[in-house]
């Protein structure tokens, strides 16, 4: 049975991705910073008849937590077929009384500590988890890494005044995803002569508590998109930035 670890999988898109992969016959490890939330997610899945699932306590910002999670998984499996780096934060978004986005963090007024906090999860956390679980991934015959990104991390689109999201400039979250994209490029390049497939995947503008449910897409759509690239065959792409919301025909989005 193929195995997958999904970080931040106790709710929203991560949980839906787990549900999709469980239905495809994968054994899923739910990475959850809060173990109680993770156990609750596992019970939800098992109550739906999806039993090949366990929770692992995993805080991507903690070296000790990540190392301990690796040790725990090593007791349960000799290989990891898929790593989905899903955990992410936006660092806080001001909202109106109606729950709509009131503004974005600016480049001139946002404290550097906010940048550090967001990058610690969205970039350094991905690097930390990927490097720590690389040995288990290398034991798979067809290892897959999906870094959950965002179209908002596209430098090309954010420099185009005609793009619908041009005025949605968040000085912290956007750079964190752009940096994640470059890490994805480098990782895919390093692993280009192996059986790895490494891609950055935008789940779409999804309505979750991440954006106070202001998104236009559903978690079902988002989970399906991520699961698709977690299950790539040998002819599938690698080193790509994927957004089926932006480009339904080709799936690719400009970096």
Foldseek 3Di string as FASTA:
>chain_A
DAEEEEAPLLDFLNVLLVLVVLVVPYQYEYEDCDVVSNVVSQVVSVVVVSNSYYYQNADLLDLVSLLVSLVVVVVVDQAHAEYELDDFADLDFDADPVLAGPAAADPPPDDVVSLVVRLSRLPVSVVSNCVSRVNRNVVDQAHEYEYAAALLLAPVQCVDPVRPCVPVDHPRRNVSRVNNLVVQLVVCVVCVPGNYATEYEHLAQEQDVSSSGPGDHYSNSSSVRRSDRSPDDSPDHHSFYAYCPVPVPPRGDHD
